[in-house]
Amino acid sequence: MGYLKSKFNINIASDDKLVDSLYRLVNSGLPLFTKNKVIYLFERARILSHKVALKTLDLLHLVYAGELSRRKAISSIITFDKGFINNADVIKRNLGIEIISRL
């Protein structure tokens, strides 16, 4: 992580509250709005799956990154993943996230 931060002058984003909410979803006593957030993220992944050819986990990662982008926490993803690279234009158009690669 330190190499990425120094080489590309980036900040590593973290959203501990959302991660914690996702982890605690196994507790049926959670408020409905927390459950709705997870449902929303999965629905966004489902919709995006019609536009980009990515594996399920990649779609979920991308949707989560989209949420971080919407909150102005990130603006790009650095990757060597060919699925992300091949769909860079669609990702930029739909989520506003730039895909950066050295390939």
PDB file of N, CA and C in Angstrom:
ATOM      1  N   MET A   1       0.827  -1.178   0.000  1.00  0.00           N
ATOM      2  CA  MET A   1       0.000   0.000   0.000  1.00  0.00           C
ATOM      3  C   MET A   1       0.879   1.251   0.000  1.00  0.00           C
ATOM      4  N   GLY A   2       1.944   1.197   0.777  1.00  0.00           N
ATOM      5  CA  GLY A   2       2.848   2.338   0.824  1.00  0.00           C
ATOM      6  C   GLY A   2       3.450   2.648  -0.535  1.00  0.00           C
ATOM      7  N   TYR A   3       3.792   1.593  -1.283  1.00  0.00           N
ATOM      8  CA  TYR A   3       4.337   1.777  -2.629  1.00  0.00           C
ATOM      9  C   TYR A   3       3.325   2.476  -3.525  1.00  0.00           C
ATOM     10  N   LEU A   4       2.066   2.017  -3.499  1.00  0.00           N
ATOM     11  CA  LEU A   4       1.029   2.637  -4.322  1.00  0.00           C
ATOM     12  C   LEU A   4       0.826   4.099  -3.953  1.00  0.00           C
ATOM     13  N   LYS A   5       0.822   4.376  -2.642  1.00  0.00           N
ATOM     14  CA  LYS A   5       0.630   5.750  -2.190  1.00  0.00           C
ATOM     15  C   LYS A   5       1.749   6.658  -2.674  1.00  0.00           C
ATOM     16  N   SER A   6       2.995   6.178  -2.593  1.00  0.00           N
ATOM     17  CA  SER A   6       4.113   7.018  -2.997  1.00  0.00           C
ATOM     18  C   SER A   6       4.270   7.081  -4.519  1.00  0.00           C
ATOM     19  N   LYS A   7       4.104   5.959  -5.199  1.00  0.00           N
ATOM     20  CA  LYS A   7       4.304   5.902  -6.652  1.00  0.00           C
ATOM     21  C   LYS A   7       3.262   6.713  -7.413  1.00  0.00           C
ATOM     22  N   PHE A   8       1.986   6.603  -6.996  1.00  0.00           N
ATOM     23  CA  PHE A   8       0.901   7.247  -7.732  1.00  0.00           C
ATOM     24  C   PHE A   8       0.299   8.446  -7.007  1.00  0.00           C
ATOM     25  N   ASN A   9       0.867   8.813  -5.841  1.00  0.00           N
ATOM     26  CA  ASN A   9       0.370   9.946  -5.071  1.00  0.00           C
ATOM     27  C   ASN A   9      -1.130   9.818  -4.809  1.00  0.00           C
ATOM     28  N   ILE A  10      -1.533   8.688  -4.233  1.00  0.00           N
ATOM     29  CA  ILE A  10      -2.952   8.436  -3.982  1.00  0.00           C
ATOM     30  C   ILE A  10      -3.201   8.286  -2.492  1.00  0.00           C
ATOM     31  N   ASN A  11      -4.468   8.406  -2.122  1.00  0.00           N
ATOM     32  CA  ASN A  11      -4.908   8.130  -0.763  1.00  0.00           C
ATOM     33  C   ASN A  11      -5.689   6.825  -0.785  1.00  0.00           C
ATOM     34  N   ILE A  12      -5.509   6.013   0.223  1.00  0.00           N
ATOM     35  CA  ILE A  12      -6.257   4.766   0.331  1.00  0.00           C
ATOM     36  C   ILE A  12      -7.537   5.057   1.092  1.00  0.00           C
ATOM     37  N   ALA A  13      -8.684   4.804   0.462  1.00  0.00           N
ATOM     38  CA  ALA A  13      -9.976   5.113   1.063  1.00  0.00           C
ATOM     39  C   ALA A  13     -10.453   3.949   1.912  1.00  0.00           C
ATOM     40  N   SER A  14     -11.111   4.270   2.987  1.00  0.00           N
ATOM     41  CA  SER A  14     -11.699   3.260   3.846  1.00  0.00           C
ATOM     42  C   SER A  14     -13.058   3.745   4.301  1.00  0.00           C
ATOM     43  N   ASP A  15     -14.004   2.860   4.360  1.00  0.00           N
ATOM     44  CA  ASP A  15     -15.341   3.209   4.805  1.00  0.00           C
ATOM     45  C   ASP A  15     -15.743   2.194   5.865  1.00  0.00           C
ATOM     46  N   ASP A  16     -15.174   2.331   7.044  1.00  0.00           N
ATOM     47  CA  ASP A  16     -15.376   1.350   8.105  1.00  0.00           C
ATOM     48  C   ASP A  16     -16.823   1.215   8.533  1.00  0.00           C
ATOM     49  N   LYS A  17     -17.586   2.304   8.496  1.00  0.00           N
ATOM     50  CA  LYS A  17     -18.986   2.227   8.929  1.00  0.00           C
ATOM     51  C   LYS A  17     -19.790   1.296   8.027  1.00  0.00           C
ATOM     52  N   LEU A  18     -19.612   1.409   6.704  1.00  0.00           N
ATOM     53  CA  LEU A  18     -20.351   0.548   5.793  1.00  0.00           C
ATOM     54  C   LEU A  18     -19.889  -0.892   5.921  1.00  0.00           C
ATOM     55  N   VAL A  19     -18.579  -1.102   6.026  1.00  0.00           N
ATOM     56  CA  VAL A  19     -18.055  -2.461   6.187  1.00  0.00           C
ATOM     57  C   VAL A  19     -18.626  -3.079   7.458  1.00  0.00           C
ATOM     58  N   ASP A  20     -18.641  -2.312   8.534  1.00  0.00           N
ATOM     59  CA  ASP A  20     -19.192  -2.799   9.796  1.00  0.00           C
ATOM     60  C   ASP A  20     -20.673  -3.122   9.646  1.00  0.00           C
ATOM     61  N   SER A  21     -21.405  -2.279   8.920  1.00  0.00           N
ATOM     62  CA  SER A  21     -22.835  -2.534   8.701  1.00  0.00           C
ATOM     63  C   SER A  21     -23.042  -3.835   7.937  1.00  0.00           C
ATOM     64  N   LEU A  22     -22.223  -4.055   6.913  1.00  0.00           N
ATOM     65  CA  LEU A  22     -22.346  -5.284   6.135  1.00  0.00           C
ATOM     66  C   LEU A  22     -22.044  -6.501   6.994  1.00  0.00           C
ATOM     67  N   TYR A  23     -21.009  -6.396   7.822  1.00  0.00           N
ATOM     68  CA  TYR A  23     -20.617  -7.509   8.676  1.00  0.00           C
ATOM     69  C   TYR A  23     -21.715  -7.849   9.683  1.00  0.00           C
ATOM     70  N   ARG A  24     -22.358  -6.835  10.229  1.00  0.00           N
ATOM     71  CA  ARG A  24     -23.376  -7.043  11.252  1.00  0.00           C
ATOM     72  C   ARG A  24     -24.730  -7.472  10.684  1.00  0.00           C
ATOM     73  N   LEU A  25     -24.858  -7.580   9.380  1.00  0.00           N
ATOM     74  CA  LEU A  25     -26.151  -7.938   8.791  1.00  0.00           C
ATOM     75  C   LEU A  25     -26.654  -9.308   9.234  1.00  0.00           C
ATOM     76  N   VAL A  26     -25.783 -10.139   9.733  1.00  0.00           N
ATOM     77  CA  VAL A  26     -26.231 -11.452  10.196  1.00  0.00           C
ATOM     78  C   VAL A  26     -27.145 -11.325  11.409  1.00  0.00           C
ATOM     79  N   ASN A  27     -27.119 -10.195  12.068  1.00  0.00           N
ATOM     80  CA  ASN A  27     -27.976  -9.945  13.222  1.00  0.00           C
ATOM     81  C   ASN A  27     -29.338  -9.473  12.722  1.00  0.00           C
ATOM     82  N   SER A  28     -30.369 -10.256  12.970  1.00  0.00           N
ATOM     83  CA  SER A  28     -31.707  -9.926  12.457  1.00  0.00           C
ATOM     84  C   SER A  28     -32.306  -8.705  13.141  1.00  0.00           C
ATOM     85  N   GLY A  29     -31.694  -8.216  14.204  1.00  0.00           N
ATOM     86  CA  GLY A  29     -32.209  -7.053  14.902  1.00  0.00           C
ATOM     87  C   GLY A  29     -31.765  -5.730  14.311  1.00  0.00           C
ATOM     88  N   LEU A  30     -31.063  -5.774  13.183  1.00  0.00           N
ATOM     89  CA  LEU A  30     -30.579  -4.527  12.592  1.00  0.00           C
ATOM     90  C   LEU A  30     -31.734  -3.698  12.044  1.00  0.00           C
ATOM     91  N   PRO A  31     -31.582  -2.381  12.060  1.00  0.00           N
ATOM     92  CA  PRO A  31     -32.621  -1.518  11.500  1.00  0.00           C
ATOM     93  C   PRO A  31     -32.800  -1.769  10.011  1.00  0.00           C
ATOM     94  N   LEU A  32     -33.991  -1.527   9.523  1.00  0.00           N
ATOM     95  CA  LEU A  32     -34.333  -1.792   8.125  1.00  0.00           C
ATOM     96  C   LEU A  32     -33.453  -1.001   7.161  1.00  0.00           C
ATOM     97  N   PHE A  33     -33.086   0.249   7.503  1.00  0.00           N
ATOM     98  CA  PHE A  33     -32.297   1.048   6.567  1.00  0.00           C
ATOM     99  C   PHE A  33     -30.949   0.407   6.278  1.00  0.00           C
ATOM    100  N   THR A  34     -30.360  -0.289   7.229  1.00  0.00           N
ATOM    101  CA  THR A  34     -29.081  -0.968   6.997  1.00  0.00           C
ATOM    102  C   THR A  34     -29.276  -2.105   6.007  1.00  0.00           C
ATOM    103  N   LYS A  35     -30.346  -2.870   6.168  1.00  0.00           N
ATOM    104  CA  LYS A  35     -30.645  -3.960   5.235  1.00  0.00           C
ATOM    105  C   LYS A  35     -30.909  -3.392   3.844  1.00  0.00           C
ATOM    106  N   ASN A  36     -31.594  -2.257   3.779  1.00  0.00           N
ATOM    107  CA  ASN A  36     -31.874  -1.633   2.486  1.00  0.00           C
ATOM    108  C   ASN A  36     -30.603  -1.218   1.778  1.00  0.00           C
ATOM    109  N   LYS A  37     -29.594  -0.800   2.535  1.00  0.00           N
ATOM    110  CA  LYS A  37     -28.327  -0.385   1.931  1.00  0.00           C
ATOM    111  C   LYS A  37     -27.665  -1.570   1.226  1.00  0.00           C
ATOM    112  N   VAL A  38     -27.677  -2.721   1.864  1.00  0.00           N
ATOM    113  CA  VAL A  38     -27.081  -3.908   1.253  1.00  0.00           C
ATOM    114  C   VAL A  38     -27.888  -4.319   0.025  1.00  0.00           C
ATOM    115  N   ILE A  39     -29.195  -4.317   0.152  1.00  0.00           N
ATOM    116  CA  ILE A  39     -30.046  -4.655  -0.989  1.00  0.00           C
ATOM    117  C   ILE A  39     -29.770  -3.694  -2.140  1.00  0.00           C
ATOM    118  N   TYR A  40     -29.621  -2.418  -1.830  1.00  0.00           N
ATOM    119  CA  TYR A  40     -29.328  -1.407  -2.839  1.00  0.00           C
ATOM    120  C   TYR A  40     -28.019  -1.719  -3.562  1.00  0.00           C
ATOM    121  N   LEU A  41     -26.969  -2.078  -2.812  1.00  0.00           N
ATOM    122  CA  LEU A  41     -25.680  -2.369  -3.430  1.00  0.00           C
ATOM    123  C   LEU A  41     -25.757  -3.586  -4.350  1.00  0.00           C
ATOM    124  N   PHE A  42     -26.472  -4.612  -3.918  1.00  0.00           N
ATOM    125  CA  PHE A  42     -26.623  -5.797  -4.767  1.00  0.00           C
ATOM    126  C   PHE A  42     -27.457  -5.481  -6.006  1.00  0.00           C
ATOM    127  N   GLU A  43     -28.458  -4.635  -5.861  1.00  0.00           N
ATOM    128  CA  GLU A  43     -29.269  -4.244  -7.013  1.00  0.00           C
ATOM    129  C   GLU A  43     -28.434  -3.430  -7.998  1.00  0.00           C
ATOM    130  N   ARG A  44     -27.589  -2.547  -7.497  1.00  0.00           N
ATOM    131  CA  ARG A  44     -26.699  -1.784  -8.374  1.00  0.00           C
ATOM    132  C   ARG A  44     -25.769  -2.731  -9.139  1.00  0.00           C
ATOM    133  N   ALA A  45     -25.269  -3.768  -8.471  1.00  0.00           N
ATOM    134  CA  ALA A  45     -24.407  -4.750  -9.133  1.00  0.00           C
ATOM    135  C   ALA A  45     -25.174  -5.493 -10.208  1.00  0.00           C
ATOM    136  N   ARG A  46     -26.408  -5.859  -9.919  1.00  0.00           N
ATOM    137  CA  ARG A  46     -27.236  -6.564 -10.904  1.00  0.00           C
ATOM    138  C   ARG A  46     -27.470  -5.702 -12.144  1.00  0.00           C
ATOM    139  N   ILE A  47     -27.798  -4.447 -11.940  1.00  0.00           N
ATOM    140  CA  ILE A  47     -28.024  -3.532 -13.065  1.00  0.00           C
ATOM    141  C   ILE A  47     -26.736  -3.334 -13.858  1.00  0.00           C
ATOM    142  N   LEU A  48     -25.636  -3.157 -13.165  1.00  0.00           N
ATOM    143  CA  LEU A  48     -24.354  -2.950 -13.830  1.00  0.00           C
ATOM    144  C   LEU A  48     -23.919  -4.183 -14.620  1.00  0.00           C
ATOM    145  N   SER A  49     -24.340  -5.360 -14.171  1.00  0.00           N
ATOM    146  CA  SER A  49     -23.955  -6.603 -14.852  1.00  0.00           C
ATOM    147  C   SER A  49     -24.458  -6.653 -16.298  1.00  0.00           C
ATOM    148  N   HIS A  50     -25.495  -5.872 -16.618  1.00  0.00           N
ATOM    149  CA  HIS A  50     -26.008  -5.818 -17.987  1.00  0.00           C
ATOM    150  C   HIS A  50     -25.160  -4.908 -18.874  1.00  0.00           C
ATOM    151  N   LYS A  51     -24.261  -4.149 -18.251  1.00  0.00           N
ATOM    152  CA  LYS A  51     -23.464  -3.184 -19.001  1.00  0.00           C
ATOM    153  C   LYS A  51     -21.994  -3.558 -19.104  1.00  0.00           C
ATOM    154  N   VAL A  52     -21.488  -4.297 -18.102  1.00  0.00           N
ATOM    155  CA  VAL A  52     -20.074  -4.685 -18.102  1.00  0.00           C
ATOM    156  C   VAL A  52     -19.959  -6.190 -17.909  1.00  0.00           C
ATOM    157  N   ALA A  53     -18.979  -6.775 -18.564  1.00  0.00           N
ATOM    158  CA  ALA A  53     -18.750  -8.217 -18.454  1.00  0.00           C
ATOM    159  C   ALA A  53     -17.707  -8.471 -17.374  1.00  0.00           C
ATOM    160  N   LEU A  54     -18.160  -8.583 -16.123  1.00  0.00           N
ATOM    161  CA  LEU A  54     -17.271  -8.836 -14.999  1.00  0.00           C
ATOM    162  C   LEU A  54     -17.823  -9.968 -14.143  1.00  0.00           C
ATOM    163  N   LYS A  55     -16.939 -10.599 -13.396  1.00  0.00           N
ATOM    164  CA  LYS A  55     -17.354 -11.634 -12.454  1.00  0.00           C
ATOM    165  C   LYS A  55     -18.135 -10.983 -11.312  1.00  0.00           C
ATOM    166  N   THR A  56     -18.927 -11.782 -10.620  1.00  0.00           N
ATOM    167  CA  THR A  56     -19.788 -11.273  -9.557  1.00  0.00           C
ATOM    168  C   THR A  56     -19.023 -10.486  -8.499  1.00  0.00           C
ATOM    169  N   LEU A  57     -17.938 -11.038  -7.987  1.00  0.00           N
ATOM    170  CA  LEU A  57     -17.181 -10.325  -6.956  1.00  0.00           C
ATOM    171  C   LEU A  57     -16.576  -9.032  -7.485  1.00  0.00           C
ATOM    172  N   ASP A  58     -16.155  -9.027  -8.745  1.00  0.00           N
ATOM    173  CA  ASP A  58     -15.640  -7.790  -9.342  1.00  0.00           C
ATOM    174  C   ASP A  58     -16.739  -6.747  -9.438  1.00  0.00           C
ATOM    175  N   LEU A  59     -17.954  -7.177  -9.790  1.00  0.00           N
ATOM    176  CA  LEU A  59     -19.086  -6.253  -9.842  1.00  0.00           C
ATOM    177  C   LEU A  59     -19.371  -5.657  -8.470  1.00  0.00           C
ATOM    178  N   LEU A  60     -19.330  -6.489  -7.440  1.00  0.00           N
ATOM    179  CA  LEU A  60     -19.575  -5.991  -6.087  1.00  0.00           C
ATOM    180  C   LEU A  60     -18.488  -5.016  -5.657  1.00  0.00           C
ATOM    181  N   HIS A  61     -17.237  -5.321  -5.982  1.00  0.00           N
ATOM    182  CA  HIS A  61     -16.151  -4.390  -5.682  1.00  0.00           C
ATOM    183  C   HIS A  61     -16.365  -3.064  -6.412  1.00  0.00           C
ATOM    184  N   LEU A  62     -16.773  -3.152  -7.659  1.00  0.00           N
ATOM    185  CA  LEU A  62     -16.984  -1.961  -8.465  1.00  0.00           C
ATOM    186  C   LEU A  62     -18.129  -1.114  -7.919  1.00  0.00           C
ATOM    187  N   VAL A  63     -19.199  -1.746  -7.496  1.00  0.00           N
ATOM    188  CA  VAL A  63     -20.332  -1.006  -6.932  1.00  0.00           C
ATOM    189  C   VAL A  63     -19.927  -0.324  -5.634  1.00  0.00           C
ATOM    190  N   TYR A  64     -19.159  -1.016  -4.809  1.00  0.00           N
ATOM    191  CA  TYR A  64     -18.669  -0.411  -3.574  1.00  0.00           C
ATOM    192  C   TYR A  64     -17.768   0.783  -3.908  1.00  0.00           C
ATOM    193  N   ALA A  65     -16.897   0.631  -4.902  1.00  0.00           N
ATOM    194  CA  ALA A  65     -16.052   1.742  -5.336  1.00  0.00           C
ATOM    195  C   ALA A  65     -16.910   2.894  -5.859  1.00  0.00           C
ATOM    196  N   GLY A  66     -18.006   2.554  -6.533  1.00  0.00           N
ATOM    197  CA  GLY A  66     -18.938   3.580  -7.004  1.00  0.00           C
ATOM    198  C   GLY A  66     -19.530   4.384  -5.861  1.00  0.00           C
ATOM    199  N   GLU A  67     -19.841   3.704  -4.762  1.00  0.00           N
ATOM    200  CA  GLU A  67     -20.338   4.401  -3.571  1.00  0.00           C
ATOM    201  C   GLU A  67     -19.272   5.333  -3.008  1.00  0.00           C
ATOM    202  N   LEU A  68     -18.036   4.868  -2.966  1.00  0.00           N
ATOM    203  CA  LEU A  68     -16.941   5.724  -2.487  1.00  0.00           C
ATOM    204  C   LEU A  68     -16.732   6.918  -3.418  1.00  0.00           C
ATOM    205  N   SER A  69     -16.867   6.693  -4.718  1.00  0.00           N
ATOM    206  CA  SER A  69     -16.734   7.772  -5.692  1.00  0.00           C
ATOM    207  C   SER A  69     -17.858   8.794  -5.511  1.00  0.00           C
ATOM    208  N   ARG A  70     -19.052   8.297  -5.296  1.00  0.00           N
ATOM    209  CA  ARG A  70     -20.207   9.189  -5.089  1.00  0.00           C
ATOM    210  C   ARG A  70     -19.989  10.083  -3.871  1.00  0.00           C
ATOM    211  N   ARG A  71     -19.286   9.572  -2.882  1.00  0.00           N
ATOM    212  CA  ARG A  71     -18.978  10.337  -1.662  1.00  0.00           C
ATOM    213  C   ARG A  71     -17.704  11.162  -1.803  1.00  0.00           C
ATOM    214  N   LYS A  72     -17.135  11.182  -3.017  1.00  0.00           N
ATOM    215  CA  LYS A  72     -15.900  11.918  -3.316  1.00  0.00           C
ATOM    216  C   LYS A  72     -14.692  11.381  -2.550  1.00  0.00           C
ATOM    217  N   ALA A  73     -14.728  10.113  -2.173  1.00  0.00           N
ATOM    218  CA  ALA A  73     -13.603   9.497  -1.465  1.00  0.00           C
ATOM    219  C   ALA A  73     -12.560   8.954  -2.439  1.00  0.00           C
ATOM    220  N   ILE A  74     -12.978   8.569  -3.646  1.00  0.00           N
ATOM    221  CA  ILE A  74     -12.047   8.100  -4.681  1.00  0.00           C
ATOM    222  C   ILE A  74     -12.492   8.655  -6.025  1.00  0.00           C
ATOM    223  N   SER A  75     -11.576   8.647  -6.980  1.00  0.00           N
ATOM    224  CA  SER A  75     -11.931   9.056  -8.343  1.00  0.00           C
ATOM    225  C   SER A  75     -11.420   8.063  -9.380  1.00  0.00           C
ATOM    226  N   SER A  76     -10.580   7.121  -8.937  1.00  0.00           N
ATOM    227  CA  SER A  76     -10.014   6.162  -9.883  1.00  0.00           C
ATOM    228  C   SER A  76      -9.640   4.867  -9.167  1.00  0.00           C
ATOM    229  N   ILE A  77      -9.431   3.842  -9.997  1.00  0.00           N
ATOM    230  CA  ILE A  77      -8.971   2.533  -9.521  1.00  0.00           C
ATOM    231  C   ILE A  77      -7.719   2.181 -10.316  1.00  0.00           C
ATOM    232  N   ILE A  78      -6.669   1.799  -9.620  1.00  0.00           N
ATOM    233  CA  ILE A  78      -5.452   1.320 -10.265  1.00  0.00           C
ATOM    234  C   ILE A  78      -5.520  -0.205 -10.283  1.00  0.00           C
ATOM    235  N   THR A  79      -5.415  -0.794 -11.475  1.00  0.00           N
ATOM    236  CA  THR A  79      -5.596  -2.239 -11.584  1.00  0.00           C
ATOM    237  C   THR A  79      -4.822  -2.816 -12.759  1.00  0.00           C
ATOM    238  N   PHE A  80      -4.560  -4.106 -12.658  1.00  0.00           N
ATOM    239  CA  PHE A  80      -4.016  -4.874 -13.781  1.00  0.00           C
ATOM    240  C   PHE A  80      -5.053  -5.876 -14.271  1.00  0.00           C
ATOM    241  N   ASP A  81      -6.248  -5.832 -13.716  1.00  0.00           N
ATOM    242  CA  ASP A  81      -7.330  -6.745 -14.062  1.00  0.00           C
ATOM    243  C   ASP A  81      -7.858  -6.409 -15.454  1.00  0.00           C
ATOM    244  N   LYS A  82      -7.765  -7.372 -16.362  1.00  0.00           N
ATOM    245  CA  LYS A  82      -8.178  -7.130 -17.749  1.00  0.00           C
ATOM    246  C   LYS A  82      -9.676  -6.870 -17.883  1.00  0.00           C
ATOM    247  N   GLY A  83     -10.477  -7.454 -16.991  1.00  0.00           N
ATOM    248  CA  GLY A  83     -11.910  -7.191 -17.025  1.00  0.00           C
ATOM    249  C   GLY A  83     -12.208  -5.720 -16.777  1.00  0.00           C
ATOM    250  N   PHE A  84     -11.564  -5.135 -15.771  1.00  0.00           N
ATOM    251  CA  PHE A  84     -11.745  -3.714 -15.484  1.00  0.00           C
ATOM    252  C   PHE A  84     -11.197  -2.863 -16.631  1.00  0.00           C
ATOM    253  N   ILE A  85     -10.019  -3.241 -17.130  1.00  0.00           N
ATOM    254  CA  ILE A  85      -9.382  -2.469 -18.207  1.00  0.00           C
ATOM    255  C   ILE A  85     -10.234  -2.489 -19.468  1.00  0.00           C
ATOM    256  N   ASN A  86     -10.752  -3.668 -19.828  1.00  0.00           N
ATOM    257  CA  ASN A  86     -11.571  -3.787 -21.035  1.00  0.00           C
ATOM    258  C   ASN A  86     -12.895  -3.043 -20.923  1.00  0.00           C
ATOM    259  N   ASN A  87     -13.356  -2.799 -19.704  1.00  0.00           N
ATOM    260  CA  ASN A  87     -14.626  -2.103 -19.479  1.00  0.00           C
ATOM    261  C   ASN A  87     -14.421  -0.679 -18.961  1.00  0.00           C
ATOM    262  N   ALA A  88     -13.219  -0.139 -19.122  1.00  0.00           N
ATOM    263  CA  ALA A  88     -12.888   1.172 -18.550  1.00  0.00           C
ATOM    264  C   ALA A  88     -13.845   2.275 -19.002  1.00  0.00           C
ATOM    265  N   ASP A  89     -14.192   2.305 -20.276  1.00  0.00           N
ATOM    266  CA  ASP A  89     -15.087   3.354 -20.776  1.00  0.00           C
ATOM    267  C   ASP A  89     -16.480   3.239 -20.159  1.00  0.00           C
ATOM    268  N   VAL A  90     -16.989   2.033 -20.075  1.00  0.00           N
ATOM    269  CA  VAL A  90     -18.317   1.811 -19.500  1.00  0.00           C
ATOM    270  C   VAL A  90     -18.321   2.156 -18.013  1.00  0.00           C
ATOM    271  N   ILE A  91     -17.253   1.792 -17.319  1.00  0.00           N
ATOM    272  CA  ILE A  91     -17.134   2.095 -15.886  1.00  0.00           C
ATOM    273  C   ILE A  91     -17.094   3.606 -15.680  1.00  0.00           C
ATOM    274  N   LYS A  92     -16.320   4.301 -16.472  1.00  0.00           N
ATOM    275  CA  LYS A  92     -16.231   5.767 -16.376  1.00  0.00           C
ATOM    276  C   LYS A  92     -17.594   6.396 -16.646  1.00  0.00           C
ATOM    277  N   ARG A  93     -18.270   5.936 -17.677  1.00  0.00           N
ATOM    278  CA  ARG A  93     -19.562   6.494 -18.067  1.00  0.00           C
ATOM    279  C   ARG A  93     -20.637   6.245 -17.010  1.00  0.00           C
ATOM    280  N   ASN A  94     -20.639   5.060 -16.402  1.00  0.00           N
ATOM    281  CA  ASN A  94     -21.701   4.691 -15.467  1.00  0.00           C
ATOM    282  C   ASN A  94     -21.410   5.042 -14.010  1.00  0.00           C
ATOM    283  N   LEU A  95     -20.145   5.019 -13.630  1.00  0.00           N
ATOM    284  CA  LEU A  95     -19.802   5.256 -12.226  1.00  0.00           C
ATOM    285  C   LEU A  95     -18.897   6.468 -12.013  1.00  0.00           C
ATOM    286  N   GLY A  96     -18.373   7.028 -13.097  1.00  0.00           N
ATOM    287  CA  GLY A  96     -17.490   8.175 -12.967  1.00  0.00           C
ATOM    288  C   GLY A  96     -16.122   7.832 -12.410  1.00  0.00           C
ATOM    289  N   ILE A  97     -15.750   6.555 -12.478  1.00  0.00           N
ATOM    290  CA  ILE A  97     -14.469   6.107 -11.946  1.00  0.00           C
ATOM    291  C   ILE A  97     -13.516   5.850 -13.120  1.00  0.00           C
ATOM    292  N   GLU A  98     -12.357   6.467 -13.051  1.00  0.00           N
ATOM    293  CA  GLU A  98     -11.340   6.240 -14.076  1.00  0.00           C
ATOM    294  C   GLU A  98     -10.553   4.976 -13.733  1.00  0.00           C
ATOM    295  N   ILE A  99     -10.335   4.137 -14.726  1.00  0.00           N
ATOM    296  CA  ILE A  99      -9.523   2.936 -14.560  1.00  0.00           C
ATOM    297  C   ILE A  99      -8.123   3.243 -15.047  1.00  0.00           C
ATOM    298  N   ILE A 100      -7.156   3.069 -14.168  1.00  0.00           N
ATOM    299  CA  ILE A 100      -5.744   3.357 -14.477  1.00  0.00           C
ATOM    300  C   ILE A 100      -4.982   2.044 -14.499  1.00  0.00           C
ATOM    301  N   SER A 101      -4.199   1.841 -15.569  1.00  0.00           N
ATOM    302  CA  SER A 101      -3.408   0.618 -15.689  1.00  0.00           C
ATOM    303  C   SER A 101      -2.121   0.922 -16.419  1.00  0.00           C
ATOM    304  N   ARG A 102      -1.123   0.129 -16.145  1.00  0.00           N
ATOM    305  CA  ARG A 102       0.168   0.248 -16.824  1.00  0.00           C
ATOM    306  C   ARG A 102       0.333  -0.824 -17.889  1.00  0.00           C
ATOM    307  N   LEU A 103      -0.744  -1.564 -18.216  1.00  0.00           N
ATOM    308  CA  LEU A 103      -0.629  -2.619 -19.243  1.00  0.00           C
ATOM    309  C   LEU A 103      -0.515  -2.030 -20.621  1.00  0.00           C
TER     310      LEU A 103
END
